[in-house]
Protein backbone atom coordinates (compact mmCIF):
# COMPACT_ATOMS: atom_id res chain seq x y z
CA MET A 1 132.00 179.04 115.11
CA LYS A 2 132.30 176.46 117.85
CA PHE A 3 129.10 174.82 116.56
CA SER A 4 130.64 174.44 113.09
CA ARG A 5 133.74 172.84 114.55
CA ILE A 6 131.62 170.31 116.47
CA LEU A 7 129.78 169.40 113.27
CA ALA A 8 133.01 169.06 111.42
CA ALA A 9 134.43 166.86 114.18
CA ALA A 10 131.36 164.62 114.10
CA ALA A 11 131.60 164.28 110.36
CA THR A 12 135.24 163.33 110.65
CA ALA A 13 134.43 160.68 113.29
CA ALA A 14 131.72 159.17 111.08
CA LEU A 15 134.14 159.09 108.18
CA LEU A 16 136.72 157.30 110.34
CA VAL A 17 134.19 154.67 111.50
CA LEU A 18 132.98 154.11 107.96
CA SER A 19 136.53 153.78 106.70
CA SER A 20 137.30 151.30 109.48
CA CYS A 21 134.30 149.09 108.51
CA GLU A 22 135.23 149.22 104.85
CA GLU A 23 138.82 148.24 105.67
CA LYS A 24 137.60 145.23 107.79
CA GLU A 25 135.28 144.01 105.01
CA GLU A 26 138.12 144.37 102.49
CA GLN A 27 140.28 142.22 104.75
CA LEU A 28 137.55 139.51 104.98
CA GLY A 29 137.11 139.44 101.23
CA ALA A 30 133.86 139.14 99.29
CA ALA A 31 130.62 138.70 101.25
CA SER A 32 129.79 135.00 101.59
CA ILE A 33 128.21 132.46 103.95
CA SER A 34 128.40 128.67 103.91
CA LEU A 35 127.79 125.61 106.14
CA ASP A 36 129.70 122.37 106.42
CA PRO A 37 127.85 120.04 106.46
CA ALA A 38 124.58 121.41 105.08
CA GLU A 39 122.50 118.51 106.47
CA VAL A 40 122.57 116.95 109.95
CA SER A 41 120.64 114.28 111.86
CA LEU A 42 119.87 114.00 115.57
CA THR A 43 118.64 111.11 117.68
CA SER A 44 115.30 111.22 119.53
CA GLU A 45 116.76 111.64 123.04
CA ALA A 46 116.57 114.91 124.97
CA GLY A 47 119.83 116.82 124.68
CA ALA A 48 120.91 115.16 121.42
CA THR A 49 123.61 117.38 119.89
CA THR A 50 125.64 117.85 116.76
CA THR A 51 127.87 120.58 115.33
CA VAL A 52 128.39 122.30 112.00
CA ASN A 53 131.03 124.76 110.77
CA LEU A 54 129.76 128.16 109.65
CA THR A 55 131.92 130.43 107.53
CA ALA A 56 130.41 133.92 107.22
CA THR A 57 132.46 136.91 106.13
CA ARG A 58 129.89 139.36 107.42
CA GLN A 59 127.87 139.69 110.65
CA TRP A 60 125.34 136.85 110.74
CA THR A 61 122.16 135.73 112.54
CA VAL A 62 119.91 132.65 112.63
CA ASN A 63 116.26 132.56 111.52
CA ASN A 64 113.49 129.92 111.45
CA THR A 65 114.67 127.92 114.45
CA PRO A 66 111.91 125.48 115.55
CA SER A 67 110.85 125.34 119.21
CA TRP A 68 112.42 121.89 119.65
CA LEU A 69 115.91 123.00 118.58
CA THR A 70 118.52 125.34 120.15
CA VAL A 71 121.30 126.88 118.04
CA THR A 72 124.40 128.11 119.90
CA PRO A 73 125.54 130.76 119.18
CA ASN A 74 122.65 132.20 117.17
CA SER A 75 124.54 135.25 115.91
CA GLY A 76 128.13 136.39 115.41
CA GLU A 77 130.67 138.65 113.74
CA GLY A 78 132.05 138.13 110.29
CA SER A 79 135.17 136.01 109.87
CA ASN A 80 136.92 134.15 107.09
CA LYS A 81 137.58 131.31 109.51
CA PRO A 82 135.01 128.58 110.30
CA GLN A 83 132.96 129.07 113.47
CA THR A 84 131.60 126.04 115.34
CA ILE A 85 127.82 126.00 115.76
CA THR A 86 126.20 123.58 118.22
CA LEU A 87 122.63 122.28 117.74
CA THR A 88 120.78 120.74 120.70
CA ALA A 89 117.34 119.07 120.40
CA LYS A 90 114.54 118.36 122.83
CA SER A 91 113.25 114.80 123.11
CA ASN A 92 111.02 113.59 120.29
CA PRO A 93 108.53 110.94 121.44
CA ASP A 94 106.47 111.27 118.24
CA ILE A 95 107.30 110.73 114.57
CA ASP A 96 110.46 111.94 112.82
CA ARG A 97 110.59 115.69 112.25
CA ASP A 98 112.52 118.06 110.00
CA ALA A 99 113.39 121.74 109.92
CA ASN A 100 115.23 124.16 107.66
CA VAL A 101 117.30 126.59 109.77
CA THR A 102 118.45 129.71 107.94
CA PHE A 103 121.79 131.45 108.63
CA THR A 104 121.86 134.89 107.02
CA ILE A 105 124.17 137.84 106.47
CA GLY A 106 121.23 139.92 105.26
CA PHE A 107 121.58 139.64 101.52
CA SER A 108 122.77 136.05 101.32
CA ASP A 109 121.65 132.90 103.19
CA ALA A 110 122.81 129.38 103.96
CA VAL A 111 120.16 126.79 104.87
CA LEU A 112 120.85 123.91 107.25
CA LYS A 113 118.55 120.88 106.91
CA VAL A 114 117.97 119.31 110.33
CA HIS A 115 116.37 115.89 110.80
CA GLN A 116 115.49 114.44 114.21
CA ALA A 117 114.42 110.84 114.59
CA GLY A 118 111.25 110.17 116.54
CA GLU A 119 110.47 107.30 118.88
CA ALA A 120 107.45 106.47 116.70
CA GLY A 121 109.62 106.28 113.57
CA SER A 122 108.92 107.85 110.21
CA ILE A 123 105.52 109.03 109.04
CA ALA A 124 105.22 105.80 107.08
CA ASP A 125 106.11 103.74 110.15
CA ALA A 126 103.61 105.59 112.33
CA LEU A 127 100.70 105.51 109.89
CA ILE A 128 98.28 102.78 110.97
CA TYR A 129 95.24 103.76 108.91
CA LYS A 130 94.43 106.61 106.53
CA ASN A 131 91.52 107.27 104.19
CA ASP A 132 90.99 110.54 102.33
CA PHE A 133 87.89 109.00 100.64
CA ASP A 134 89.25 110.03 97.22
CA LYS A 135 89.74 106.79 95.30
CA ASP A 136 87.60 108.18 92.46
CA ASP A 137 85.30 111.17 92.05
CA ALA A 138 81.81 110.65 93.46
CA LYS A 139 79.14 111.02 90.75
CA ASN A 140 75.73 112.55 91.33
CA ASN A 141 73.49 110.42 89.14
CA SER A 142 70.02 111.45 90.33
CA GLY A 143 71.48 111.50 93.85
CA TRP A 144 74.82 111.00 95.53
CA PRO A 145 75.71 107.31 95.98
CA TYR A 146 75.38 105.48 99.27
CA LEU A 147 78.57 103.75 100.38
CA ASP A 148 77.31 100.32 99.33
CA GLN A 149 76.59 101.65 95.82
CA SER A 150 80.15 102.77 95.02
CA ASP A 151 83.68 102.14 96.31
CA CYS A 152 84.91 105.55 95.09
CA TRP A 153 85.39 106.50 98.77
CA ASN A 154 87.57 103.56 99.84
CA HIS A 155 91.12 104.90 99.48
CA GLU A 156 92.66 103.25 102.54
CA GLU A 157 96.39 102.97 103.25
CA GLY A 158 98.61 102.30 106.25
CA ASN A 159 100.27 99.47 108.14
CA GLY A 160 97.07 98.23 109.78
CA ILE A 161 94.61 97.97 106.89
CA GLU A 162 94.86 94.24 106.22
CA GLY A 163 91.62 92.75 107.47
CA VAL A 164 89.82 96.11 107.85
CA LYS A 165 86.05 95.96 107.36
CA TYR A 166 83.42 98.69 107.18
CA GLU A 167 79.91 98.94 108.57
CA TYR A 168 77.60 101.89 107.93
CA THR A 169 73.98 103.04 107.89
CA GLY A 170 72.57 105.94 105.88
CA MET A 171 76.00 107.07 104.66
CA SER A 172 76.65 108.70 101.29
CA VAL A 173 79.77 109.99 99.52
CA ARG A 174 79.47 113.48 98.04
CA GLN A 175 81.20 116.42 96.42
CA SER A 176 78.39 118.87 97.17
CA GLY A 177 78.68 122.08 99.20
CA LYS A 178 81.92 123.34 100.67
CA LEU A 179 84.72 120.77 100.78
CA SER A 180 87.72 120.36 103.07
CA ASN A 181 90.09 121.98 100.55
CA ASP A 182 87.94 125.09 100.15
CA ALA A 183 90.20 128.11 99.72
CA SER A 184 87.57 130.76 100.40
CA GLY A 185 87.66 130.29 104.16
CA PHE A 186 85.24 127.41 104.73
CA SER A 187 88.12 125.07 105.55
CA LEU A 188 90.43 125.91 108.43
CA TYR A 189 92.88 123.13 107.57
CA ALA A 190 94.52 121.96 104.34
CA GLY A 191 92.12 119.12 103.56
CA SER A 192 92.26 116.76 100.60
CA GLY A 193 88.89 117.90 99.25
CA ARG A 194 87.11 116.06 96.44
CA ASN A 195 84.98 113.45 98.23
CA LYS A 196 83.52 113.69 101.72
CA LEU A 197 81.43 111.26 103.74
CA PHE A 198 78.02 112.73 104.57
CA PHE A 199 75.92 111.59 107.54
CA GLY A 200 72.14 111.46 107.58
CA LYS A 201 70.26 112.34 110.76
CA THR A 202 70.81 108.91 112.32
CA SER A 203 73.79 107.66 110.31
CA SER A 204 76.80 105.76 111.58
CA PHE A 205 80.15 104.81 110.06
CA ALA A 206 82.55 102.22 111.49
CA VAL A 207 86.08 101.19 110.52
CA LYS A 208 86.47 97.75 112.06
CA ASP A 209 89.49 95.63 112.96
CA ILE A 210 92.37 98.06 112.33
CA ALA A 211 95.54 96.08 113.17
CA LEU A 212 97.66 97.90 115.76
CA GLY A 213 100.93 96.01 115.31
CA GLY A 214 101.79 95.97 119.00
CA LYS A 215 101.46 99.75 119.42
CA THR A 216 99.44 101.19 122.30
CA ALA A 217 99.43 105.01 121.96
CA PHE A 218 97.60 106.74 119.12
CA ALA A 219 96.23 109.93 117.62
CA LEU A 220 92.92 109.71 115.74
CA SER A 221 92.29 112.67 113.45
CA PHE A 222 89.69 113.68 110.87
CA GLY A 223 88.34 116.73 109.12
CA GLY A 224 84.91 117.55 110.53
CA GLN A 225 82.16 119.96 109.53
CA ARG A 226 78.63 120.79 110.65
CA TYR A 227 76.62 122.70 108.08
CA GLY A 228 72.85 122.98 107.80
CA ALA A 229 71.69 125.67 105.39
CA ASP A 230 68.61 126.44 107.48
CA ASP A 231 70.29 126.27 110.90
CA LYS A 232 71.15 129.48 112.75
CA ASP A 233 73.87 127.75 114.77
CA ASN A 234 76.25 125.43 112.94
CA THR A 235 78.72 124.93 115.78
CA TYR A 236 80.19 121.42 115.75
CA ASN A 237 78.53 119.70 118.72
CA PRO A 238 79.98 116.48 120.19
CA ASP A 239 76.61 115.72 121.78
CA GLU A 240 75.22 115.40 118.25
CA PHE A 241 78.21 113.76 116.58
CA LYS A 242 79.94 111.13 118.69
CA VAL A 243 83.27 109.41 118.14
CA TYR A 244 83.94 106.00 119.75
CA VAL A 245 86.90 103.65 119.79
CA SER A 246 86.60 99.99 120.69
CA VAL A 247 89.18 97.35 121.55
CA ASP A 248 86.78 94.42 121.05
CA GLY A 249 84.42 95.66 118.33
CA ILE A 250 81.45 95.21 120.67
CA LYS A 251 81.58 98.00 123.23
CA GLY A 252 83.23 101.37 122.73
CA VAL A 253 84.46 104.40 124.64
CA GLU A 254 83.54 107.90 123.52
CA VAL A 255 86.68 109.99 122.97
CA PRO A 256 86.73 113.80 123.16
CA VAL A 257 88.31 115.69 120.27
CA THR A 258 90.19 118.97 120.11
CA PHE A 259 90.36 121.20 117.05
CA ALA A 260 93.45 122.63 115.39
CA GLN A 261 92.06 126.17 115.67
CA GLY A 262 91.27 125.76 119.36
CA SER A 263 87.48 126.03 119.50
CA ALA A 264 84.80 124.00 117.72
CA PRO A 265 84.30 125.25 114.14
CA VAL A 266 81.09 127.04 113.21
CA GLY A 267 80.04 125.90 109.73
CA ASN A 268 83.68 125.47 108.73
CA TRP A 269 85.88 122.45 108.26
CA ASP A 270 88.61 121.93 110.83
CA LEU A 271 90.94 119.11 111.82
CA ALA A 272 89.80 117.24 114.94
CA THR A 273 92.18 115.07 116.98
CA ALA A 274 91.76 112.61 119.85
CA LYS A 275 94.76 111.06 121.61
CA PHE A 276 94.49 107.89 123.71
CA THR A 277 96.24 104.71 124.78
CA VAL A 278 94.91 101.15 124.74
CA PRO A 279 95.79 98.25 127.04
CA ALA A 280 98.99 96.35 126.22
CA GLY A 281 98.22 93.33 124.06
CA THR A 282 95.33 94.98 122.19
CA GLU A 283 95.52 93.64 118.65
CA LYS A 284 92.76 95.52 116.84
CA LEU A 285 90.83 98.77 117.07
CA THR A 286 87.42 99.78 115.77
CA VAL A 287 86.52 103.45 115.19
CA VAL A 288 82.86 104.49 115.07
CA PHE A 289 81.18 107.80 114.19
CA LYS A 290 77.51 108.22 115.13
CA CYS A 291 74.93 110.97 114.76
CA ALA A 292 72.76 111.21 117.87
CA ASN A 293 70.30 113.72 119.32
CA LEU A 294 70.64 115.83 116.18
CA VAL A 295 68.77 119.15 116.34
CA THR A 296 68.42 120.81 112.94
CA SER A 297 65.89 122.91 111.07
CA GLY A 298 66.33 120.83 107.92
CA THR A 299 65.10 117.38 107.05
CA GLY A 300 68.50 115.82 106.40
CA GLY A 301 71.87 115.49 108.02
CA VAL A 302 74.41 118.23 108.68
CA TYR A 303 77.70 116.45 109.52
CA SER A 304 80.52 115.44 107.16
CA ILE A 305 84.01 113.99 107.63
CA ASP A 306 87.17 113.76 105.53
CA ASP A 307 90.82 112.72 105.89
CA LEU A 308 90.39 110.04 108.56
CA GLN A 309 93.71 108.91 110.05
CA LEU A 310 95.04 106.78 112.92
CA SER A 311 98.74 107.20 113.74
CA VAL A 312 101.16 106.24 116.48
CA ALA A 313 101.54 109.16 118.90
CA THR A 314 102.11 110.07 122.54
CA GLY A 315 100.38 112.19 125.15
CA GLY A 316 97.02 110.44 125.27
CA ASP A 317 95.16 109.18 128.34
CA ALA A 318 94.29 105.51 128.83
CA LEU A 319 90.82 104.56 127.62
CA ASP A 320 88.38 104.17 130.50
CA LEU A 321 86.91 100.84 129.45
CA THR A 322 84.58 100.84 132.47
CA ASN A 323 82.55 103.50 130.61
CA ALA A 324 82.29 101.46 127.41
CA VAL A 325 78.83 101.23 125.82
CA SER A 326 77.39 98.84 123.27
CA LEU A 327 78.02 100.00 119.71
CA GLY A 328 75.41 97.77 118.11
CA LEU A 329 77.77 96.56 115.39
CA ASP A 330 77.28 93.39 113.39
CA GLN A 331 79.22 90.58 115.07
CA SER A 332 78.42 87.81 112.56
CA ALA A 333 82.03 87.59 111.39
CA ASN A 334 83.13 86.77 114.94
CA ILE A 335 80.61 84.00 115.56
CA PRO A 336 82.37 80.62 115.82
CA ASP A 337 81.43 77.89 113.36
CA SER A 338 80.04 75.29 115.75
CA ASP A 339 77.20 72.79 116.18
CA GLU A 340 77.04 73.62 119.87
CA VAL A 341 73.68 74.84 121.20
CA THR A 342 73.92 77.50 123.90
CA ASP A 343 72.00 76.86 127.10
CA LEU A 344 69.99 80.09 127.45
CA ALA A 345 69.69 79.53 131.20
CA THR A 346 73.39 80.43 131.47
CA ILE A 347 72.82 83.66 129.53
CA ILE A 348 69.93 85.17 131.47
CA THR A 349 71.91 85.05 134.71
CA LYS A 350 74.61 87.36 133.35
CA PRO A 351 74.69 90.98 134.58
CA ALA A 352 73.50 93.82 132.38
CA GLY A 353 76.19 95.05 130.02
CA SER A 354 77.76 91.63 129.53
CA SER A 355 78.86 90.61 126.06
CA VAL A 356 77.31 87.25 125.17
CA THR A 357 77.66 84.72 122.38
CA ILE A 358 74.65 82.53 121.58
CA LEU A 359 74.94 79.59 119.19
CA ASN A 360 72.22 77.82 117.22
CA ALA A 361 69.23 79.16 119.14
CA THR A 362 65.70 78.59 117.83
CA ILE A 363 63.46 81.59 117.07
CA THR A 364 60.13 81.30 118.86
CA ALA A 365 58.56 84.65 117.91
CA VAL A 366 59.22 87.53 115.50
CA THR A 367 58.39 91.26 115.75
CA THR A 368 58.94 94.21 113.41
CA LYS A 369 62.07 95.20 115.35
CA GLY A 370 63.54 91.86 116.45
CA TYR A 371 62.80 88.32 117.54
CA VAL A 372 62.56 85.99 120.54
CA ILE A 373 64.71 82.93 121.23
CA GLY A 374 63.81 80.36 123.88
CA LYS A 375 60.58 79.95 125.85
CA GLY A 376 59.15 80.78 129.24
CA ASP A 377 61.66 81.91 131.85
CA LYS A 378 64.49 81.19 129.37
CA ALA A 379 63.12 83.48 126.63
CA ILE A 380 65.39 86.29 125.39
CA TYR A 381 64.29 89.13 123.14
CA VAL A 382 66.88 90.14 120.50
CA TYR A 383 66.37 93.78 119.51
CA LYS A 384 67.52 94.66 115.97
CA ASN A 385 65.74 98.01 115.43
CA ALA A 386 64.80 96.70 111.99
CA ASP A 387 62.84 93.92 110.35
CA PRO A 388 64.93 90.80 111.17
CA LYS A 389 63.67 89.02 108.04
CA LEU A 390 63.53 85.76 109.94
CA ALA A 391 60.77 83.29 110.76
CA VAL A 392 59.71 81.18 113.72
CA GLY A 393 61.74 77.99 113.74
CA ASP A 394 64.85 79.52 112.15
CA LYS A 395 68.19 78.83 113.83
CA VAL A 396 70.39 81.86 114.70
CA SER A 397 73.81 82.47 116.19
CA LEU A 398 74.69 85.92 117.46
CA ILE A 399 76.96 88.10 119.57
CA GLY A 400 75.44 90.93 121.54
CA THR A 401 75.23 92.86 124.79
CA PHE A 402 72.86 91.58 127.47
CA LYS A 403 70.56 94.15 129.06
């Protein structure tokens, strides 16, 4: 009997609580939630704040808050009066960023659009160079085209593209194999797909003279993949596929990359990024990709890239220009138009690694891989690693690295 009375008492208490909640909701009116305003903007400084008014007639919480933003309070009781919500942002040294913060009462939501300015400006402001290599579809007409056979790959954009030039060896543009937009798992990032640039065993690709517009801190990113059908290990290997940046177009510094998924991809596409800073006053940048020391079971190349981009960023280390190496790029465009004849005696005294300009020298001998200028103790061998297609007696002007 006592047990029945306890149950009855508990039931009565539950009924009272339920009735109390129903009475409170009736007093607050119909369930609703709204924000005023529904869009806000914050400056880039740490601690930048703004407020909004939230009217929620039921208990509410906040969802989808990004790590750079604090919402105070982030939950509350229902009320038919506006509640003041404060938003506080962390500093934003990079590009502008946006977030949609959701306030919910469970069955109805109100979304606040939050924009924070970045020190680097908008995406458009920060974009120095971009190429997804998708100007037109590459066509396989008895073989995929080399880069000098089609411009279907040149889809450049950005604030620094005026004056950009390209230099490449053994490079083709393809749509074969798995592409960077592959949805079956071969791509670990949302790539553009369509065309990719494919490297032969000893290929190189250079984007020369990207205008920096007074900026000094950058992020270089690209989709990268290593895939050889006959290779047991297709781990992306930076010892095989090197990335250099150069501030003078002559010598470059190898930059390490990190991948979006953390570790180097194995046969998959992933987005690689390198952050760095250049000396103040640097006007142009050259980016070079080179295959080197490639170990593969096949007869061809195994590396491809897509979605190449250079943007203003922060967090990178200064380039160690003391470790710069010769990139072997064509310097003919930088040779001054002059009738001056360089005294070779002044060149041979320079230390190894020096960049030299030689004007109007006479060729005295030719080999299958280069040629000789000058005679006797003033003779200098110019190594081209290819038939120079020149003859004894020809006049040449050049820029190179003295060894």
